[in-house]
């Protein structure tokens, strides 16, 4: 899964959190790992323009999703190769999200994670125009968000334990580089899994 994030909003955003939330939601929904996704953060004026242009609604909004047509069942008949599918684009408005988070008494980071997951679900065809659709989409969104936080908590606990183990080994004079043992507990992070 390749996720690109571009921040043109003028607001500092937790990029790693947004990418992690998008990746977690895509994986939770069992999307092909070769899919491509882009996330764009824009300012309120840009979001307001997009909201009018694409939804015919005034003013800015928190998130918009633009699914790509490559994911139709059976693929496109004019496609020449079966390369990675483009899932689509999620557009976030951090400035609007910050205000919304404040009003709902949530953290800015939580709001962005929730909106990212919401955007992924829209890309996959979920909607909330009708009450039944809304219950389904928001129920799924909350399940994914809860699982995302549980996984982040588990990883943070593992990292704290690894850090404690490394300090203990260092305190007793074992650095982990002797006798070819390598660096215990070192993990790398990339934007593609």
C-alpha atoms as a PDB file:
ATOM      1  CA  UNK A   1       0.000   0.000   0.000  1.00  0.00           C
ATOM      2  CA  UNK A   2       1.471   3.283  -1.078  1.00  0.00           C
ATOM      3  CA  UNK A   3       0.085   6.398   0.596  1.00  0.00           C
ATOM      4  CA  UNK A   4       1.151   9.885  -0.393  1.00  0.00           C
ATOM      5  CA  UNK A   5       0.434  12.850   1.855  1.00  0.00           C
ATOM      6  CA  UNK A   6       0.706  16.466   0.724  1.00  0.00           C
ATOM      7  CA  UNK A   7       0.028  19.285   3.155  1.00  0.00           C
ATOM      8  CA  UNK A   8      -0.959  22.527   1.431  1.00  0.00           C
ATOM      9  CA  UNK A   9      -3.114  23.732   4.333  1.00  0.00           C
ATOM     10  CA  UNK A  10      -0.682  25.990   6.149  1.00  0.00           C
ATOM     11  CA  UNK A  11      -1.499  24.036   9.330  1.00  0.00           C
ATOM     12  CA  UNK A  12       0.962  21.591  10.839  1.00  0.00           C
ATOM     13  CA  UNK A  13      -0.566  18.120  10.809  1.00  0.00           C
ATOM     14  CA  UNK A  14       0.543  14.791  12.321  1.00  0.00           C
ATOM     15  CA  UNK A  15       1.479  13.231   8.979  1.00  0.00           C
ATOM     16  CA  UNK A  16       2.507   9.875  10.443  1.00  0.00           C
ATOM     17  CA  UNK A  17      -0.830   9.550  12.275  1.00  0.00           C
ATOM     18  CA  UNK A  18      -2.814  10.336   9.114  1.00  0.00           C
ATOM     19  CA  UNK A  19      -0.825   7.830   7.041  1.00  0.00           C
ATOM     20  CA  UNK A  20      -1.123   5.184   9.782  1.00  0.00           C
ATOM     21  CA  UNK A  21      -4.898   5.719  10.061  1.00  0.00           C
ATOM     22  CA  UNK A  22      -5.347   5.478   6.285  1.00  0.00           C
ATOM     23  CA  UNK A  23      -3.191   2.347   6.055  1.00  0.00           C
ATOM     24  CA  UNK A  24      -4.976   0.723   8.992  1.00  0.00           C
ATOM     25  CA  UNK A  25      -8.437   1.430   7.498  1.00  0.00           C
ATOM     26  CA  UNK A  26      -7.434   0.154   4.055  1.00  0.00           C
ATOM     27  CA  UNK A  27      -6.000  -3.027   5.580  1.00  0.00           C
ATOM     28  CA  UNK A  28      -9.057  -3.475   7.824  1.00  0.00           C
ATOM     29  CA  UNK A  29     -11.241  -3.312   4.725  1.00  0.00           C
ATOM     30  CA  UNK A  30      -9.068  -5.933   2.983  1.00  0.00           C
ATOM     31  CA  UNK A  31      -8.106  -3.717   0.054  1.00  0.00           C
ATOM     32  CA  UNK A  32      -5.440  -5.052  -2.301  1.00  0.00           C
ATOM     33  CA  UNK A  33      -2.025  -4.124  -0.838  1.00  0.00           C
ATOM     34  CA  UNK A  34      -0.873  -2.807  -4.224  1.00  0.00           C
ATOM     35  CA  UNK A  35      -3.472  -0.009  -4.141  1.00  0.00           C
ATOM     36  CA  UNK A  36      -2.405   3.622  -4.191  1.00  0.00           C
ATOM     37  CA  UNK A  37      -3.967   6.349  -2.064  1.00  0.00           C
ATOM     38  CA  UNK A  38      -3.314  10.049  -1.800  1.00  0.00           C
ATOM     39  CA  UNK A  39      -4.205  12.386   1.056  1.00  0.00           C
ATOM     40  CA  UNK A  40      -4.199  16.123   0.517  1.00  0.00           C
ATOM     41  CA  UNK A  41      -4.575  18.698   3.288  1.00  0.00           C
ATOM     42  CA  UNK A  42      -5.923  22.052   2.105  1.00  0.00           C
ATOM     43  CA  UNK A  43      -6.940  25.392   3.617  1.00  0.00           C
ATOM     44  CA  UNK A  44     -10.557  26.398   4.232  1.00  0.00           C
ATOM     45  CA  UNK A  45     -10.834  28.554   1.081  1.00  0.00           C
ATOM     46  CA  UNK A  46      -9.655  25.698  -1.139  1.00  0.00           C
ATOM     47  CA  UNK A  47     -11.978  23.246   0.609  1.00  0.00           C
ATOM     48  CA  UNK A  48     -14.910  25.675   0.249  1.00  0.00           C
ATOM     49  CA  UNK A  49     -14.205  25.941  -3.499  1.00  0.00           C
ATOM     50  CA  UNK A  50     -14.055  22.136  -3.816  1.00  0.00           C
ATOM     51  CA  UNK A  51     -17.215  21.728  -1.742  1.00  0.00           C
ATOM     52  CA  UNK A  52     -19.138  24.037  -4.083  1.00  0.00           C
ATOM     53  CA  UNK A  53     -17.603  22.561  -7.244  1.00  0.00           C
ATOM     54  CA  UNK A  54     -18.133  18.881  -6.404  1.00  0.00           C
ATOM     55  CA  UNK A  55     -21.039  18.822  -3.935  1.00  0.00           C
ATOM     56  CA  UNK A  56     -22.816  22.099  -4.779  1.00  0.00           C
ATOM     57  CA  UNK A  57     -22.740  22.980  -1.068  1.00  0.00           C
ATOM     58  CA  UNK A  58     -21.516  26.305   0.363  1.00  0.00           C
ATOM     59  CA  UNK A  59     -18.588  26.733   2.736  1.00  0.00           C
ATOM     60  CA  UNK A  60     -15.757  24.418   3.718  1.00  0.00           C
ATOM     61  CA  UNK A  61     -16.186  20.909   5.088  1.00  0.00           C
ATOM     62  CA  UNK A  62     -13.921  18.552   7.036  1.00  0.00           C
ATOM     63  CA  UNK A  63     -13.221  15.789   4.494  1.00  0.00           C
ATOM     64  CA  UNK A  64     -14.017  14.926   0.893  1.00  0.00           C
ATOM     65  CA  UNK A  65     -13.212  11.732  -0.962  1.00  0.00           C
ATOM     66  CA  UNK A  66     -12.676  11.214  -4.656  1.00  0.00           C
ATOM     67  CA  UNK A  67     -12.710   7.513  -5.585  1.00  0.00           C
ATOM     68  CA  UNK A  68     -11.097   6.415  -8.816  1.00  0.00           C
ATOM     69  CA  UNK A  69     -12.990   4.428 -11.411  1.00  0.00           C
ATOM     70  CA  UNK A  70     -10.230   1.823 -11.781  1.00  0.00           C
ATOM     71  CA  UNK A  71     -11.778  -0.234  -8.980  1.00  0.00           C
ATOM     72  CA  UNK A  72     -14.991  -1.159 -10.765  1.00  0.00           C
ATOM     73  CA  UNK A  73     -15.639  -4.922 -10.761  1.00  0.00           C
ATOM     74  CA  UNK A  74     -13.797  -6.572 -13.622  1.00  0.00           C
ATOM     75  CA  UNK A  75     -11.547  -3.551 -14.149  1.00  0.00           C
ATOM     76  CA  UNK A  76     -11.643  -1.093 -17.012  1.00  0.00           C
ATOM     77  CA  UNK A  77     -11.961  -2.661 -20.463  1.00  0.00           C
ATOM     78  CA  UNK A  78      -9.388  -0.234 -21.915  1.00  0.00           C
ATOM     79  CA  UNK A  79      -6.748  -1.006 -19.250  1.00  0.00           C
ATOM     80  CA  UNK A  80      -3.556  -2.422 -20.762  1.00  0.00           C
ATOM     81  CA  UNK A  81      -1.867  -3.772 -17.654  1.00  0.00           C
ATOM     82  CA  UNK A  82      -2.953  -4.783 -14.190  1.00  0.00           C
ATOM     83  CA  UNK A  83      -0.637  -2.465 -12.256  1.00  0.00           C
ATOM     84  CA  UNK A  84      -1.505  -1.071  -8.848  1.00  0.00           C
ATOM     85  CA  UNK A  85      -5.049   0.252  -8.612  1.00  0.00           C
ATOM     86  CA  UNK A  86      -5.561   3.851  -7.577  1.00  0.00           C
ATOM     87  CA  UNK A  87      -7.957   3.845  -4.649  1.00  0.00           C
ATOM     88  CA  UNK A  88      -8.476   7.595  -4.864  1.00  0.00           C
ATOM     89  CA  UNK A  89      -7.878  10.872  -3.076  1.00  0.00           C
ATOM     90  CA  UNK A  90      -8.888  12.038   0.379  1.00  0.00           C
ATOM     91  CA  UNK A  91      -8.926  15.795   0.939  1.00  0.00           C
ATOM     92  CA  UNK A  92      -8.777  16.983   4.550  1.00  0.00           C
ATOM     93  CA  UNK A  93      -9.229  20.514   5.861  1.00  0.00           C
ATOM     94  CA  UNK A  94      -7.165  20.663   9.086  1.00  0.00           C
ATOM     95  CA  UNK A  95      -8.296  24.194   9.939  1.00  0.00           C
ATOM     96  CA  UNK A  96     -11.959  23.146   9.785  1.00  0.00           C
ATOM     97  CA  UNK A  97     -11.148  19.888  11.606  1.00  0.00           C
ATOM     98  CA  UNK A  98      -9.438  21.791  14.436  1.00  0.00           C
ATOM     99  CA  UNK A  99     -12.560  23.908  15.016  1.00  0.00           C
ATOM    100  CA  UNK A 100     -14.789  20.849  14.807  1.00  0.00           C
ATOM    101  CA  UNK A 101     -12.603  18.967  17.294  1.00  0.00           C
ATOM    102  CA  UNK A 102     -12.697  21.869  19.727  1.00  0.00           C
ATOM    103  CA  UNK A 103     -16.509  22.028  19.523  1.00  0.00           C
ATOM    104  CA  UNK A 104     -16.795  18.263  20.087  1.00  0.00           C
ATOM    105  CA  UNK A 105     -14.161  18.350  22.871  1.00  0.00           C
ATOM    106  CA  UNK A 106     -11.879  15.949  21.013  1.00  0.00           C
ATOM    107  CA  UNK A 107      -8.208  16.262  20.220  1.00  0.00           C
ATOM    108  CA  UNK A 108      -7.116  17.565  16.833  1.00  0.00           C
ATOM    109  CA  UNK A 109      -5.180  14.337  16.256  1.00  0.00           C
ATOM    110  CA  UNK A 110      -8.252  12.197  17.014  1.00  0.00           C
ATOM    111  CA  UNK A 111     -10.352  14.292  14.653  1.00  0.00           C
ATOM    112  CA  UNK A 112      -7.843  13.835  11.813  1.00  0.00           C
ATOM    113  CA  UNK A 113      -7.576  10.066  12.391  1.00  0.00           C
ATOM    114  CA  UNK A 114     -11.369   9.760  12.428  1.00  0.00           C
ATOM    115  CA  UNK A 115     -11.773  11.897   9.288  1.00  0.00           C
ATOM    116  CA  UNK A 116      -9.090   9.907   7.474  1.00  0.00           C
ATOM    117  CA  UNK A 117     -10.880   6.642   8.223  1.00  0.00           C
ATOM    118  CA  UNK A 118     -14.163   8.291   7.203  1.00  0.00           C
ATOM    119  CA  UNK A 119     -12.552   9.320   3.921  1.00  0.00           C
ATOM    120  CA  UNK A 120     -11.284   5.795   3.238  1.00  0.00           C
ATOM    121  CA  UNK A 121     -14.778   4.395   3.769  1.00  0.00           C
ATOM    122  CA  UNK A 122     -16.188   6.912   1.283  1.00  0.00           C
ATOM    123  CA  UNK A 123     -13.553   5.807  -1.237  1.00  0.00           C
ATOM    124  CA  UNK A 124     -14.802   2.254  -0.794  1.00  0.00           C
ATOM    125  CA  UNK A 125     -18.389   3.211  -1.556  1.00  0.00           C
ATOM    126  CA  UNK A 126     -19.829   3.802   1.910  1.00  0.00           C
ATOM    127  CA  UNK A 127     -22.144   6.752   2.385  1.00  0.00           C
ATOM    128  CA  UNK A 128     -24.370   8.296   5.032  1.00  0.00           C
ATOM    129  CA  UNK A 129     -27.139   9.963   3.039  1.00  0.00           C
ATOM    130  CA  UNK A 130     -29.823   7.624   4.408  1.00  0.00           C
ATOM    131  CA  UNK A 131     -30.285   6.686   8.097  1.00  0.00           C
ATOM    132  CA  UNK A 132     -29.522   2.999   7.493  1.00  0.00           C
ATOM    133  CA  UNK A 133     -26.383   3.846   5.489  1.00  0.00           C
ATOM    134  CA  UNK A 134     -25.332   6.282   8.211  1.00  0.00           C
ATOM    135  CA  UNK A 135     -25.659   3.638  10.940  1.00  0.00           C
ATOM    136  CA  UNK A 136     -23.642   1.161   8.890  1.00  0.00           C
ATOM    137  CA  UNK A 137     -20.895   3.597   7.905  1.00  0.00           C
ATOM    138  CA  UNK A 138     -20.456   5.253  11.292  1.00  0.00           C
ATOM    139  CA  UNK A 139     -20.616   1.881  13.066  1.00  0.00           C
ATOM    140  CA  UNK A 140     -17.842   0.563  10.818  1.00  0.00           C
ATOM    141  CA  UNK A 141     -15.888   3.809  11.200  1.00  0.00           C
ATOM    142  CA  UNK A 142     -16.023   3.516  15.002  1.00  0.00           C
ATOM    143  CA  UNK A 143     -14.982  -0.164  14.918  1.00  0.00           C
ATOM    144  CA  UNK A 144     -11.969   0.642  12.729  1.00  0.00           C
ATOM    145  CA  UNK A 145     -11.054   3.677  14.842  1.00  0.00           C
ATOM    146  CA  UNK A 146     -11.209   1.635  18.077  1.00  0.00           C
ATOM    147  CA  UNK A 147      -9.075  -1.134  16.547  1.00  0.00           C
ATOM    148  CA  UNK A 148      -6.618   1.482  15.232  1.00  0.00           C
ATOM    149  CA  UNK A 149      -6.148   2.967  18.705  1.00  0.00           C
ATOM    150  CA  UNK A 150      -5.827  -0.500  20.267  1.00  0.00           C
ATOM    151  CA  UNK A 151      -3.081  -1.369  17.756  1.00  0.00           C
ATOM    152  CA  UNK A 152      -1.252   1.928  18.371  1.00  0.00           C
ATOM    153  CA  UNK A 153      -1.466   1.323  22.119  1.00  0.00           C
ATOM    154  CA  UNK A 154      -0.081  -2.208  21.708  1.00  0.00           C
ATOM    155  CA  UNK A 155       2.806  -0.953  19.543  1.00  0.00           C
ATOM    156  CA  UNK A 156       3.579   1.830  22.026  1.00  0.00           C
ATOM    157  CA  UNK A 157       3.678  -0.688  24.886  1.00  0.00           C
ATOM    158  CA  UNK A 158       6.016  -2.933  22.889  1.00  0.00           C
ATOM    159  CA  UNK A 159       8.277   0.027  22.125  1.00  0.00           C
ATOM    160  CA  UNK A 160       8.394   1.058  25.800  1.00  0.00           C
ATOM    161  CA  UNK A 161       9.343  -2.518  26.737  1.00  0.00           C
ATOM    162  CA  UNK A 162      12.026  -2.616  24.047  1.00  0.00           C
ATOM    163  CA  UNK A 163      13.406   0.709  25.280  1.00  0.00           C
ATOM    164  CA  UNK A 164      13.473  -0.549  28.899  1.00  0.00           C
ATOM    165  CA  UNK A 165      15.212  -3.757  27.809  1.00  0.00           C
ATOM    166  CA  UNK A 166      17.800  -1.792  25.829  1.00  0.00           C
ATOM    167  CA  UNK A 167      18.504   0.520  28.802  1.00  0.00           C
ATOM    168  CA  UNK A 168      18.848  -2.467  31.121  1.00  0.00           C
ATOM    169  CA  UNK A 169      21.240  -4.241  28.750  1.00  0.00           C
ATOM    170  CA  UNK A 170      23.223  -1.044  28.331  1.00  0.00           C
ATOM    171  CA  UNK A 171      23.377  -0.515  32.119  1.00  0.00           C
ATOM    172  CA  UNK A 172      24.884  -3.966  32.629  1.00  0.00           C
ATOM    173  CA  UNK A 173      27.432  -3.389  29.887  1.00  0.00           C
ATOM    174  CA  UNK A 174      25.830  -5.387  27.095  1.00  0.00           C
ATOM    175  CA  UNK A 175      25.391  -3.161  24.062  1.00  0.00           C
ATOM    176  CA  UNK A 176      23.973  -5.763  21.671  1.00  0.00           C
ATOM    177  CA  UNK A 177      26.793  -5.375  19.141  1.00  0.00           C
ATOM    178  CA  UNK A 178      29.055  -7.974  20.665  1.00  0.00           C
ATOM    179  CA  UNK A 179      29.269 -11.496  19.242  1.00  0.00           C
ATOM    180  CA  UNK A 180      27.187 -10.533  16.183  1.00  0.00           C
ATOM    181  CA  UNK A 181      23.916 -10.056  18.057  1.00  0.00           C
ATOM    182  CA  UNK A 182      22.995  -6.863  16.193  1.00  0.00           C
ATOM    183  CA  UNK A 183      20.657  -4.180  17.446  1.00  0.00           C
ATOM    184  CA  UNK A 184      17.891  -5.803  19.459  1.00  0.00           C
ATOM    185  CA  UNK A 185      14.509  -4.110  19.142  1.00  0.00           C
ATOM    186  CA  UNK A 186      15.346  -1.743  16.307  1.00  0.00           C
ATOM    187  CA  UNK A 187      12.446  -1.321  13.960  1.00  0.00           C
ATOM    188  CA  UNK A 188      12.331   0.500  10.673  1.00  0.00           C
ATOM    189  CA  UNK A 189       9.359   2.374   9.268  1.00  0.00           C
ATOM    190  CA  UNK A 190       8.538   3.013   5.678  1.00  0.00           C
ATOM    191  CA  UNK A 191       5.576   4.457   3.875  1.00  0.00           C
ATOM    192  CA  UNK A 192       5.137   1.285   1.797  1.00  0.00           C
ATOM    193  CA  UNK A 193       4.422  -2.091   3.348  1.00  0.00           C
END
